[in-house]
Protein backbone atom coordinates (compact mmCIF):
# COMPACT_ATOMS: atom_id res chain seq x y z
CA MET A 1 0.00 0.00 0.00
CA ILE A 2 1.29 3.45 -0.91
CA LEU A 3 1.58 5.56 2.23
CA VAL A 4 3.08 8.83 0.99
CA ASP A 5 3.82 10.03 -2.52
CA ALA A 6 5.92 13.16 -3.08
CA ASP A 7 6.05 14.41 -6.67
CA GLY A 8 8.44 17.09 -7.96
CA VAL A 9 8.99 18.67 -4.55
CA SER A 10 11.31 21.70 -4.38
CA MET A 11 12.44 23.84 -1.42
CA THR A 12 14.81 26.77 -1.01
CA ARG A 13 16.41 28.73 1.76
CA PRO A 14 17.59 32.34 1.52
CA GLY A 15 20.36 32.61 -1.03
CA ARG A 16 20.19 29.15 -2.58
CA PRO A 17 17.98 26.15 -3.39
CA LEU A 18 17.91 23.17 -1.02
CA PHE A 19 16.55 20.54 -3.41
CA GLU A 20 14.63 20.56 -6.66
CA ASN A 21 12.14 18.19 -8.27
CA VAL A 22 12.50 15.44 -5.65
CA SER A 23 10.06 12.56 -6.06
CA ILE A 24 9.72 9.66 -3.66
CA THR A 25 7.06 7.07 -2.94
CA ILE A 26 6.95 5.28 0.43
CA ALA A 27 4.98 2.06 0.65
CA SER A 28 4.29 -0.43 3.43
CA GLY A 29 7.43 -2.37 4.28
CA ASP A 30 9.84 0.22 2.84
CA ARG A 31 12.95 0.94 4.90
CA ILE A 32 14.48 4.16 3.57
CA GLY A 33 17.51 5.96 5.01
CA VAL A 34 18.08 9.62 4.11
CA VAL A 35 21.65 10.95 3.92
CA GLY A 36 23.38 14.05 2.61
CA LEU A 37 25.70 16.86 3.58
CA ASN A 38 24.72 19.21 6.37
CA GLY A 39 22.45 21.85 4.89
CA SER A 40 21.33 19.68 1.95
CA GLY A 41 17.72 19.73 3.18
CA LYS A 42 17.22 16.38 4.95
CA SER A 43 15.25 17.81 7.88
CA THR A 44 13.34 20.11 5.53
CA LEU A 45 12.33 17.08 3.46
CA VAL A 46 11.11 15.39 6.66
CA ASP A 47 9.03 18.47 7.51
CA VAL A 48 7.50 18.45 4.01
CA LEU A 49 6.66 14.73 4.09
CA THR A 50 5.04 15.06 7.53
CA GLY A 51 3.04 18.14 6.59
CA ARG A 52 4.81 20.52 8.94
CA ARG A 53 5.81 22.59 5.91
CA ASP A 54 4.23 23.00 2.49
CA PRO A 55 6.48 22.44 -0.53
CA GLU A 56 7.29 25.52 -2.59
CA GLU A 57 6.80 23.43 -5.72
CA GLY A 58 5.36 19.98 -6.27
CA SER A 59 2.89 18.04 -4.17
CA VAL A 60 2.74 15.54 -1.31
CA ARG A 61 -0.16 13.09 -1.11
CA VAL A 62 -0.82 10.92 1.94
CA GLY A 63 -2.81 7.73 1.50
CA ARG A 64 -6.36 7.53 2.81
CA ASP A 65 -6.49 6.85 6.58
CA VAL A 66 -2.70 6.49 6.72
CA ARG A 67 -1.40 7.17 10.24
CA VAL A 68 1.98 8.94 10.37
CA ALA A 69 4.13 9.15 13.52
CA SER A 70 7.22 11.35 13.35
CA LEU A 71 10.23 12.64 15.23
CA GLY A 72 11.47 16.07 14.17
CA GLN A 73 14.86 17.66 14.69
CA ASP A 74 13.50 19.97 17.42
CA PRO A 75 10.44 18.20 18.85
CA ASP A 76 7.70 20.15 20.65
CA LEU A 77 6.49 18.48 23.85
CA GLY A 78 4.19 21.32 24.84
CA ASP A 79 3.84 22.37 28.48
CA GLY A 80 3.38 20.25 31.56
CA THR A 81 4.99 16.96 32.45
CA ILE A 82 6.41 14.04 30.49
CA ALA A 83 3.18 12.16 31.23
CA ASP A 84 1.20 15.06 29.74
CA ALA A 85 3.37 14.98 26.60
CA LEU A 86 2.54 11.28 26.17
CA ALA A 87 -1.15 11.59 26.99
CA GLY A 88 -3.44 10.41 24.22
CA VAL A 89 -1.04 7.94 22.61
CA SER A 90 -2.66 4.77 21.37
CA ALA A 91 -0.46 2.30 23.29
CA PRO A 92 -1.31 1.01 26.78
CA LYS A 93 0.48 2.60 29.74
CA TRP A 94 2.75 -0.38 30.34
CA GLU A 95 4.12 -0.12 26.80
CA VAL A 96 4.69 3.63 27.16
CA ASP A 97 6.52 3.08 30.46
CA ALA A 98 8.61 0.29 28.92
CA ALA A 99 9.64 2.49 25.98
CA LEU A 100 10.60 5.36 28.30
CA ASP A 101 12.62 2.95 30.43
CA ARG A 102 14.52 1.50 27.46
CA LEU A 103 15.30 5.05 26.29
CA GLY A 104 16.69 6.04 29.70
CA MET A 105 13.69 8.09 30.86
CA GLY A 106 11.97 5.54 33.09
CA GLY A 107 10.23 6.71 36.28
CA ARG A 108 10.24 10.36 35.28
CA GLY A 109 6.66 10.81 34.16
CA HIS A 110 6.04 13.62 36.65
CA ASP A 111 9.09 15.66 35.57
CA SER A 112 8.32 18.97 33.88
CA VAL A 113 9.29 19.05 30.22
CA SER A 114 10.61 22.59 30.72
CA GLN A 115 13.40 21.15 32.90
CA LEU A 116 14.55 18.56 30.36
CA SER A 117 17.79 18.88 28.43
CA GLY A 118 17.63 18.82 24.64
CA GLY A 119 18.68 15.16 24.59
CA GLU A 120 16.12 14.14 27.20
CA ALA A 121 13.35 15.95 25.32
CA LYS A 122 14.28 14.14 22.12
CA ARG A 123 14.18 10.76 23.88
CA VAL A 124 10.68 11.49 25.18
CA ALA A 125 9.57 12.57 21.70
CA LEU A 126 11.07 9.37 20.24
CA ALA A 127 9.14 7.26 22.76
CA ARG A 128 5.96 9.13 21.77
CA ALA A 129 6.53 8.37 18.09
CA LEU A 130 7.29 4.70 18.70
CA VAL A 131 4.30 3.87 20.90
CA ASN A 132 1.66 5.49 18.69
CA GLU A 133 -0.07 3.17 16.26
CA ALA A 134 1.23 4.17 12.86
CA ASP A 135 1.46 2.98 9.29
CA LEU A 136 4.48 5.18 8.61
CA LEU A 137 7.35 6.21 10.88
CA ILE A 138 9.44 9.25 9.88
CA LEU A 139 12.37 9.77 12.28
CA ASP A 140 15.00 12.53 12.12
CA GLU A 141 18.29 11.50 13.81
CA PRO A 142 16.62 9.18 16.38
CA THR A 143 19.92 7.77 17.71
CA ASN A 144 21.22 11.16 18.90
CA HIS A 145 21.47 11.15 22.72
CA LEU A 146 20.89 7.38 23.02
CA ASP A 147 23.35 5.01 24.64
CA VAL A 148 24.45 1.81 22.91
CA GLY A 149 21.86 -0.38 24.65
CA ALA A 150 19.04 1.96 23.67
CA ILE A 151 20.23 2.08 20.05
CA GLU A 152 20.25 -1.71 19.84
CA TRP A 153 16.74 -1.81 21.32
CA LEU A 154 15.63 0.79 18.75
CA GLU A 155 17.15 -1.24 15.91
CA THR A 156 15.21 -4.32 17.05
CA ARG A 157 11.96 -2.38 17.36
CA LEU A 158 12.32 -0.77 13.93
CA ALA A 159 13.16 -4.14 12.35
CA ALA A 160 9.92 -5.55 13.77
CA PHE A 161 7.81 -2.56 12.63
CA GLY A 162 5.45 -3.67 9.88
CA GLY A 163 4.75 -0.31 8.26
CA GLY A 164 6.91 2.03 6.22
CA LEU A 165 9.99 3.70 7.65
CA LEU A 166 11.92 6.79 6.61
CA LEU A 167 14.99 7.49 8.70
CA VAL A 168 17.41 10.42 8.66
CA THR A 169 20.59 9.22 10.36
CA HIS A 170 24.38 9.43 10.28
CA ASP A 171 24.71 6.15 12.24
CA ARG A 172 26.43 3.78 9.82
CA HIS A 173 25.49 0.66 11.79
CA VAL A 174 21.81 1.64 11.79
CA LEU A 175 21.88 2.34 8.05
CA ASP A 176 23.28 -1.13 7.38
CA ARG A 177 21.06 -3.01 9.85
CA VAL A 178 17.71 -1.26 9.36
CA THR A 179 17.46 0.29 5.90
CA THR A 180 17.06 -1.42 2.52
CA ARG A 181 17.21 1.77 0.41
CA VAL A 182 19.15 5.00 0.82
CA LEU A 183 17.94 8.36 -0.49
CA GLU A 184 20.89 10.70 -0.96
CA LEU A 185 20.38 14.46 -1.30
CA ASP A 186 23.29 15.91 -3.26
CA ARG A 187 23.46 19.42 -4.73
CA GLY A 188 19.71 19.78 -4.98
CA ARG A 189 19.01 16.37 -6.50
CA ALA A 190 17.88 13.06 -5.06
CA HIS A 191 19.66 9.75 -5.78
CA VAL A 192 18.26 6.39 -4.65
CA HIS A 193 20.59 3.48 -3.79
CA GLU A 194 19.22 -0.03 -3.33
CA GLY A 195 20.76 -1.39 -0.13
CA GLY A 196 22.28 0.04 3.05
CA TYR A 197 25.35 2.14 3.80
CA ASP A 198 27.63 0.09 1.53
CA ALA A 199 25.24 0.52 -1.40
CA TYR A 200 25.19 4.27 -0.83
CA LEU A 201 29.01 4.46 -0.87
CA GLU A 202 29.24 2.33 -4.02
CA GLY A 203 26.55 4.33 -5.81
CA ARG A 204 28.12 7.64 -4.90
CA ALA A 205 31.58 6.50 -6.03
CA ARG A 206 30.13 5.23 -9.31
CA ARG A 207 28.32 8.53 -9.91
CA GLU A 208 31.53 10.49 -9.30
CA GLU A 209 33.43 8.24 -11.73
CA GLN A 210 30.74 8.76 -14.37
CA ALA A 211 30.96 12.53 -13.83
CA VAL A 212 34.72 12.40 -14.42
CA GLN A 213 34.24 10.41 -17.64
CA ALA A 214 31.46 12.73 -18.83
CA GLU A 215 33.73 15.74 -18.28
CA LYS A 216 36.50 14.08 -20.34
CA VAL A 217 34.05 13.52 -23.19
CA ARG A 218 32.83 17.13 -22.95
CA LYS A 219 36.39 18.48 -23.10
CA ASN A 220 37.22 16.38 -26.16
CA LEU A 221 34.08 17.54 -27.93
CA ALA A 222 34.77 21.11 -26.90
CA ARG A 223 38.28 20.96 -28.42
CA THR A 224 36.85 19.68 -31.72
CA GLU A 225 34.11 22.29 -31.83
CA LEU A 226 36.49 25.07 -30.81
CA ALA A 227 38.76 24.17 -33.73
CA TRP A 228 35.75 24.27 -36.04
CA LEU A 229 34.66 27.67 -34.74
CA ARG A 230 38.17 29.05 -35.27
CA ARG A 231 38.17 28.18 -38.96
CA GLY A 232 36.72 31.61 -39.65
CA ALA A 233 33.51 33.35 -40.59
CA PRO A 234 33.13 31.88 -44.12
CA ALA A 235 33.17 28.37 -42.74
CA ARG A 236 30.71 29.22 -40.00
CA THR A 237 28.22 30.91 -42.31
CA SER A 238 27.95 27.73 -44.37
CA LYS A 239 26.98 25.72 -41.30
CA ALA A 240 23.65 25.46 -39.51
CA LYS A 241 22.99 27.93 -36.71
CA ALA A 242 22.15 24.99 -34.42
CA ARG A 243 25.68 23.63 -34.86
CA ILE A 244 27.12 27.04 -33.90
CA ARG A 245 24.90 27.18 -30.81
CA THR A 246 25.89 23.65 -29.76
CA ALA A 247 29.58 24.37 -30.24
CA THR A 248 29.38 27.57 -28.21
CA GLU A 249 27.56 25.78 -25.38
CA LEU A 250 30.18 23.02 -25.27
CA VAL A 251 33.03 25.50 -25.10
CA ASN A 252 31.37 27.66 -22.43
CA GLU A 253 30.01 24.82 -20.32
CA ARG A 254 31.67 24.12 -16.99
CA PRO A 255 31.59 20.90 -14.96
CA GLU A 256 29.20 20.82 -12.04
CA ALA A 257 30.75 22.31 -8.94
CA ALA A 258 31.73 19.82 -6.26
CA ALA A 259 29.35 19.46 -3.34
CA ARG A 260 32.17 20.82 -1.20
CA SER A 261 35.37 22.45 -2.38
CA GLY A 262 38.46 20.50 -1.37
CA ASP A 263 38.92 18.32 1.68
CA LEU A 264 38.10 19.43 5.20
CA ASP A 265 41.47 20.36 6.72
CA LEU A 266 41.44 20.14 10.52
CA HIS A 267 45.20 20.51 11.02
CA PHE A 268 46.05 23.98 12.33
CA GLY A 269 49.18 23.25 14.35
CA THR A 270 49.18 21.93 17.90
CA PRO A 271 51.52 23.08 20.70
CA ARG A 272 53.80 20.42 22.13
CA LEU A 273 52.42 18.45 25.07
CA GLY A 274 54.84 17.42 27.81
CA ASN A 275 54.78 14.24 29.88
CA ASP A 276 52.65 15.84 32.61
CA THR A 277 49.11 16.08 31.28
CA VAL A 278 45.95 15.68 33.38
CA GLU A 279 45.72 13.44 36.46
CA LEU A 280 42.65 12.55 38.52
CA ASP A 281 43.49 11.03 41.90
CA GLY A 282 40.72 9.39 43.93
CA VAL A 283 38.05 11.59 42.37
CA SER A 284 34.39 11.30 43.32
CA PHE A 285 31.40 13.36 42.30
CA GLY A 286 27.82 13.69 43.43
CA TYR A 287 25.13 16.34 43.54
CA SER A 288 23.90 17.67 46.87
CA GLY A 289 21.27 15.41 48.39
CA SER A 290 21.94 12.56 45.95
CA SER A 291 24.11 9.45 45.96
CA PRO A 292 27.51 9.87 44.28
CA LEU A 293 27.56 9.31 40.54
CA PHE A 294 30.96 7.64 40.90
CA THR A 295 33.69 7.30 43.51
CA ASP A 296 37.45 6.89 43.75
CA VAL A 297 38.30 7.36 40.06
CA ASP A 298 41.98 7.44 39.10
CA LEU A 299 43.15 8.54 35.69
CA MET A 300 46.47 9.74 34.32
CA LEU A 301 46.32 10.71 30.66
CA ASP A 302 49.21 9.74 28.45
CA ARG A 303 49.98 12.41 25.87
CA ARG A 304 49.04 9.99 23.06
CA ASP A 305 45.98 8.44 24.73
CA ARG A 306 42.86 7.67 22.73
CA LEU A 307 40.17 7.02 25.34
CA GLY A 308 36.47 6.40 24.90
CA ILE A 309 34.04 6.82 27.79
CA VAL A 310 31.14 4.35 27.58
CA GLY A 311 28.15 3.30 29.65
CA ALA A 312 24.44 3.93 30.03
CA ASN A 313 22.95 7.42 29.96
CA GLY A 314 22.85 9.09 33.36
CA THR A 315 25.82 7.24 34.84
CA GLY A 316 28.15 10.26 34.75
CA LYS A 317 30.11 10.06 31.49
CA SER A 318 29.75 13.75 30.62
CA THR A 319 30.40 14.67 34.24
CA LEU A 320 33.74 12.85 34.19
CA LEU A 321 34.62 14.73 31.02
CA ASP A 322 33.77 18.00 32.81
CA LEU A 323 36.04 16.99 35.71
CA ILE A 324 38.92 16.29 33.32
CA ALA A 325 38.28 19.67 31.69
CA GLY A 326 38.05 21.46 35.04
CA THR A 327 34.57 22.87 34.35
CA LYS A 328 33.31 20.92 37.40
CA ARG A 329 35.05 20.40 40.73
CA PRO A 330 35.17 16.94 42.33
CA THR A 331 33.41 16.40 45.65
CA ALA A 332 36.43 14.34 46.72
CA GLY A 333 39.93 13.75 45.35
CA ARG A 334 42.15 16.03 43.34
CA ARG A 335 42.89 17.09 39.76
CA GLU A 336 46.37 18.12 38.58
CA VAL A 337 47.25 19.67 35.19
CA GLY A 338 50.66 19.89 33.51
CA SER A 339 52.14 23.25 32.57
CA THR A 340 52.10 22.55 28.80
CA VAL A 341 48.45 21.52 28.64
CA GLU A 342 46.19 23.41 26.21
CA LEU A 343 42.82 21.77 26.75
CA GLU A 344 39.52 22.30 24.94
CA LEU A 345 36.12 20.70 25.63
CA PHE A 346 33.60 20.23 22.82
CA ASP A 347 30.46 19.39 24.78
CA GLN A 348 26.97 18.44 23.59
CA ARG A 349 26.00 22.09 23.34
CA GLY A 350 29.24 23.09 21.61
CA ALA A 351 30.44 26.67 21.73
CA THR A 352 27.68 29.16 22.51
CA LEU A 353 26.67 30.78 19.23
CA ASP A 354 24.71 34.01 18.93
CA PRO A 355 21.94 33.26 16.40
CA ASP A 356 21.95 36.90 15.26
CA ALA A 357 25.71 36.92 14.57
CA ARG A 358 27.34 36.04 11.25
CA VAL A 359 29.47 32.93 10.79
CA TRP A 360 32.67 34.97 10.51
CA GLN A 361 31.92 36.76 13.79
CA ALA A 362 31.81 33.44 15.67
CA VAL A 363 35.21 32.52 14.22
CA VAL A 364 36.89 35.89 14.85
CA GLY A 365 35.45 36.13 18.36
CA ASP A 366 36.78 39.58 19.29
CA GLU A 367 34.07 42.21 19.07
CA GLY A 368 34.89 44.83 16.45
CA ALA A 369 37.56 42.69 14.74
CA LYS A 370 37.33 41.72 11.09
CA PRO A 371 38.29 38.37 9.55
CA ASP A 372 41.79 38.24 8.07
CA TRP A 373 42.98 35.88 5.34
CA GLN A 374 43.72 33.13 7.88
CA ASP A 375 40.20 33.33 9.30
CA LYS A 376 38.74 33.14 5.80
CA ALA A 377 40.98 30.20 4.88
CA LEU A 378 39.90 28.42 8.07
CA MET A 379 36.21 28.90 7.30
CA GLU A 380 36.69 27.67 3.75
CA ALA A 381 38.54 24.63 5.08
CA PHE A 382 35.39 23.87 7.09
CA TRP A 383 33.27 24.23 3.93
CA PHE A 384 31.90 27.68 4.73
CA ASP A 385 32.34 29.43 1.38
CA SER A 386 32.38 33.19 0.86
CA ASP A 387 28.57 33.42 0.90
CA ALA A 388 28.13 31.17 3.93
CA GLN A 389 30.73 33.14 5.93
CA TYR A 390 28.37 36.13 5.99
CA ALA A 391 25.22 34.13 6.64
CA PRO A 392 23.39 34.64 9.97
CA ILE A 393 23.98 31.70 12.29
CA SER A 394 20.19 31.43 12.70
CA MET A 395 20.00 30.37 9.02
CA LEU A 396 22.36 27.39 9.47
CA SER A 397 21.03 23.86 9.69
CA GLY A 398 21.61 21.91 12.90
CA GLY A 399 24.54 20.05 11.32
CA GLU A 400 26.10 23.23 9.92
CA ARG A 401 25.86 24.87 13.34
CA ARG A 402 27.51 21.84 14.92
CA ARG A 403 30.31 21.99 12.34
CA LEU A 404 30.83 25.68 13.12
CA GLN A 405 31.07 24.86 16.83
CA LEU A 406 33.69 22.22 16.07
CA LEU A 407 35.62 24.78 13.99
CA VAL A 408 35.62 27.27 16.88
CA THR A 409 36.91 24.57 19.27
CA LEU A 410 39.72 23.24 17.07
CA ALA A 411 40.82 26.73 16.00
CA LYS A 412 42.07 27.26 19.58
CA LYS A 413 44.77 24.64 18.84
CA PRO A 414 44.41 22.36 21.87
CA ASN A 415 46.84 19.53 22.62
CA ILE A 416 44.25 17.70 24.74
CA LEU A 417 40.86 17.37 23.09
CA LEU A 418 37.74 16.36 25.03
CA LEU A 419 34.71 15.49 22.88
CA ASP A 420 31.20 14.89 24.22
CA GLU A 421 28.97 13.24 21.62
CA PRO A 422 30.85 14.89 18.73
CA THR A 423 29.02 12.93 16.02
CA ASN A 424 25.55 14.32 16.78
CA ASP A 425 24.16 16.09 13.68
CA LEU A 426 27.40 15.85 11.65
CA ASP A 427 27.05 14.45 8.14
CA LEU A 428 28.88 11.30 7.05
CA ASP A 429 31.61 13.16 5.14
CA THR A 430 32.49 15.32 8.14
CA LEU A 431 32.50 12.25 10.39
CA ARG A 432 35.03 10.44 8.23
CA VAL A 433 37.32 13.47 8.11
CA LEU A 434 37.05 13.96 11.88
CA GLU A 435 37.99 10.29 12.37
CA ASP A 436 41.06 10.72 10.17
CA PHE A 437 42.00 13.89 12.04
CA LEU A 438 41.83 12.20 15.44
CA GLU A 439 44.00 9.36 14.14
CA ASP A 440 46.78 11.86 13.33
CA PHE A 441 46.15 14.32 16.19
CA PRO A 442 49.47 14.69 18.10
CA GLY A 443 47.88 15.12 21.53
CA ALA A 444 45.52 13.17 23.80
CA VAL A 445 41.85 12.57 22.96
CA VAL A 446 39.04 11.60 25.32
CA VAL A 447 35.62 11.07 23.75
CA VAL A 448 32.12 10.28 25.00
CA SER A 449 30.10 8.80 22.13
CA HIS A 450 27.27 6.43 21.35
CA ASP A 451 28.40 6.09 17.73
CA ARG A 452 29.77 2.57 17.47
CA ALA A 453 31.50 3.04 14.12
CA PHE A 454 33.14 6.24 15.39
CA LEU A 455 34.40 4.52 18.57
CA GLU A 456 35.70 1.54 16.59
CA ARG A 457 37.85 3.87 14.50
CA THR A 458 39.09 6.36 17.09
CA VAL A 459 39.78 4.86 20.54
CA ASP A 460 42.32 2.37 21.87
CA ASP A 461 41.00 1.96 25.44
CA VAL A 462 37.65 2.65 27.07
CA ILE A 463 36.63 3.94 30.49
CA VAL A 464 33.58 1.89 31.52
CA PHE A 465 30.74 3.14 33.74
CA ASP A 466 28.85 0.15 35.11
CA GLY A 467 25.90 2.12 36.55
CA SER A 468 26.70 1.35 40.19
CA GLY A 469 29.24 4.14 40.71
CA SER A 470 32.24 2.02 39.74
CA VAL A 471 34.47 3.21 36.92
CA GLY A 472 37.40 1.39 35.36
CA ARG A 473 39.69 1.43 32.35
CA LEU A 474 39.45 -1.42 29.86
CA PRO A 475 42.19 -1.95 27.23
CA GLY A 476 41.23 -2.99 23.73
CA GLY A 477 38.90 -0.21 22.66
CA TYR A 478 35.23 -0.49 21.78
CA GLU A 479 35.49 -4.11 20.64
CA ALA A 480 36.67 -5.16 24.11
CA TYR A 481 33.80 -3.24 25.72
CA GLU A 482 31.27 -4.78 23.34
CA ALA A 483 32.54 -8.29 24.13
CA LEU A 484 32.39 -7.55 27.86
CA ARG A 485 28.88 -6.13 27.60
CA ARG A 486 27.54 -9.08 25.61
CA ASN A 487 29.08 -11.60 28.01
CA THR A 488 27.40 -9.95 30.99
CA SER A 489 24.41 -11.86 32.28
CA THR A 490 22.30 -8.71 32.69
CA SER A 491 21.90 -6.35 29.75
CA SER A 492 21.37 -3.31 31.97
CA ALA A 493 24.78 -3.32 33.63
CA VAL A 494 28.41 -3.69 32.64
CA PRO A 495 30.84 -5.19 35.17
CA SER A 496 33.47 -2.84 36.49
CA ALA A 497 36.66 -2.69 34.46
CA ARG A 498 38.68 -1.62 37.52
CA PRO A 499 41.61 -4.02 38.04
CA SER A 500 40.78 -6.63 40.66
CA GLY A 501 43.59 -5.44 42.88
CA GLY A 502 41.87 -2.09 43.27
CA GLY A 503 45.16 -0.22 43.46
CA ARG A 504 45.53 3.25 42.02
CA LYS A 505 47.57 3.79 38.91
CA LYS A 506 50.10 6.46 39.82
CA LYS A 507 52.13 6.33 36.62
CA PRO A 508 51.21 6.05 32.97
CA GLN A 509 51.55 2.52 31.65
CA ARG A 510 54.77 1.70 29.83
CA THR A 511 55.88 -1.23 27.69
CA ALA A 512 59.16 -3.10 28.20
CA SER A 513 60.92 -0.50 26.06
CA GLY A 514 59.69 2.27 28.36
CA ARG A 515 57.33 3.75 25.77
CA ALA A 516 53.63 4.43 26.37
CA PRO A 517 51.21 2.07 24.55
CA GLY A 518 49.34 5.03 23.07
CA THR A 519 52.52 6.42 21.54
CA ILE A 520 53.35 3.02 20.02
CA ARG A 521 49.86 2.65 18.56
CA HIS A 522 50.15 6.09 16.98
CA GLU A 523 53.49 5.21 15.37
CA LEU A 524 52.08 1.89 14.16
CA GLY A 525 49.22 3.75 12.48
CA ARG A 526 51.64 6.13 10.80
CA LEU A 527 53.81 3.23 9.61
CA GLU A 528 50.78 1.42 8.17
CA LYS A 529 49.97 4.51 6.10
CA ASP A 530 53.62 4.75 4.98
CA ILE A 531 53.68 1.06 4.01
CA ALA A 532 50.46 1.41 1.98
CA ARG A 533 51.86 4.51 0.23
CA LEU A 534 55.19 2.83 -0.58
CA GLU A 535 53.48 -0.31 -1.87
CA ALA A 536 51.29 1.81 -4.17
CA GLN A 537 54.38 3.67 -5.47
CA ARG A 538 56.26 0.41 -6.04
CA ASP A 539 53.31 -1.14 -7.92
CA SER A 540 52.89 1.96 -10.08
CA LEU A 541 56.59 2.02 -11.00
CA THR A 542 56.50 -1.70 -11.76
CA GLU A 543 53.63 -1.13 -14.20
CA GLN A 544 55.59 1.69 -15.85
CA LEU A 545 58.64 -0.56 -16.09
CA ALA A 546 56.65 -3.16 -18.02
CA GLY A 547 55.68 -0.59 -20.63
CA VAL A 548 59.02 1.09 -21.47
CA GLY A 549 60.20 -1.63 -23.86
CA ASP A 550 63.88 -1.28 -24.89
CA ASP A 551 64.39 2.24 -23.52
CA HIS A 552 67.50 1.45 -21.46
CA ALA A 553 67.67 4.90 -19.84
CA ALA A 554 64.09 4.61 -18.65
CA LEU A 555 64.69 1.05 -17.47
CA ALA A 556 67.70 2.15 -15.41
CA SER A 557 65.89 5.16 -13.92
CA LEU A 558 62.75 3.22 -12.97
CA GLY A 559 64.82 0.30 -11.63
CA ALA A 560 66.74 2.66 -9.32
CA GLU A 561 63.49 4.20 -8.04
CA ILE A 562 61.99 0.75 -7.40
CA SER A 563 65.14 -0.30 -5.53
CA ASP A 564 65.01 2.80 -3.30
CA ILE A 565 61.32 2.37 -2.51
CA THR A 566 61.78 -1.34 -1.81
CA GLY A 567 64.48 -0.46 0.70
CA GLU A 568 62.21 2.09 2.42
CA LEU A 569 59.41 -0.47 2.46
CA ASP A 570 61.63 -3.12 4.07
CA ASP A 571 62.71 -0.66 6.77
CA ALA A 572 59.12 0.37 7.48
CA GLU A 573 57.93 -3.24 7.71
CA GLU A 574 60.80 -4.16 10.03
CA ARG A 575 60.03 -1.19 12.28
CA TRP A 576 56.34 -2.17 12.31
CA LEU A 577 57.24 -5.67 13.48
CA GLU A 578 59.49 -4.32 16.25
CA LEU A 579 56.77 -2.01 17.57
CA SER A 580 54.12 -4.73 17.36
CA GLU A 581 56.29 -7.09 19.43
CA ASP A 582 56.86 -4.33 21.99
CA LEU A 583 53.12 -3.66 22.26
CA GLU A 584 52.19 -7.34 22.42
CA GLY A 585 54.76 -7.83 25.18
CA GLY A 586 52.43 -5.95 27.52
CA VAL A 587 53.09 -3.27 30.11
CA VAL A 588 55.48 -3.39 33.03
CA ASP A 589 55.15 -1.79 36.45
């Protein structure tokens, strides 16, 4: 059964179109993921399909008696309590309570919605959408502000939903596990890919390859037609006017501009970080009148650490990040900071942005100052072109605003970077670049995130909150945490990762060579990139060698280059083996 049919829908925002002539039909059983760059119009499309906004062109038809439940980017819960916001839903009370509990909002029905954080409000709105009887679910970034357990529960519930589903998400696991089609918004047009995240990547790469080939054909035709035009007026007058018009169009035509100009460059120079970084010694924290969130936490950051903080919502992950940053004071214990530390916290709110200010004003910061060439280059590196730099911040999409907040944080050139849910609202392209940046970042990184793909790529160890106030460090990154969580008999708790001896770690861990594990992992990553680069160079030169025939000078030159690269490759592989053995040898006291 057809649930919603959008035909030739177009929308704009001041200064430019969002999308044009988009058509999509959603039927029962469809599982559609929506992806695209920040500002491409994903949330606007959701608003159009749900009737919250009328299309500027085209039409949207909803099937007779079709029930639509939706989650918007900024949900409205009205006034009153959480229970009031959920009043009138079609599900029985037990099911509503169960959904709230699985989304981390159990037992809070009497709380006023005016006191909820943005993440809490979104979880309540998600519960409301899920428990209403519906033929079609339209959800905009439903995994934002959910912990891993809640996301897995949501995946299971969506998989069992019998109606149609349209899902805007940047969560790569969800795209692969829930969706069977991906709608990509790119430069005002819609492209449909049959399959999940992998199908989207393959389809996008194929489209870019076709664009490159089409541009080669256009250039060749343009050269031919340009030569014809240059033969002079007598030749042109004997030809049809249509041929002249076609030739002129070919010569003047330009390839379609890239969706974003260049790659996002997040490397601005980072001050050197000494051996003394940030240390927490016996730290506890609790709010007045409540039980402590956690007690007796010890942490000494290595200057190359890549730490993830994981656990259920409400257990204190963001609070620990605030204690490391110094924005909160512990109720017990102490915090010490090295003299070379330049620390920045990118929290869930990000830098405070004045909605009436322009983008460039947020970057410059100083009132009355004007952007110089470095400021402009920085904004362009973050994909804010000359027009966007002067746009009011109020006109930015949620993802664009989040990207601007990240820009403001990184532009301060920290050598310790603390990230609280950094993936919320960022598009897939920005996520991949941020992951690459963190891999090469020369300082320490501590990140709170629910994004499993992001954690898999960026952290080496995890700090585990088990929900009972116990906190411990677990080597092995997200995969080790996932194995621990799945082997736990109860799904609601994770056993403490604190070493059984309970002793405090007073020194950073070192391997037998005296080097920190984080430093070794960083060098291993760099060597792997070098090895891949050298292998590609060697293979390319080998192909060239096969095609030079009897050109002895070329043979000698290419042979010498291959010999040099092979030597570099052997050295890199030998160094990789040495470091791997050092890391596998474990740490010593």
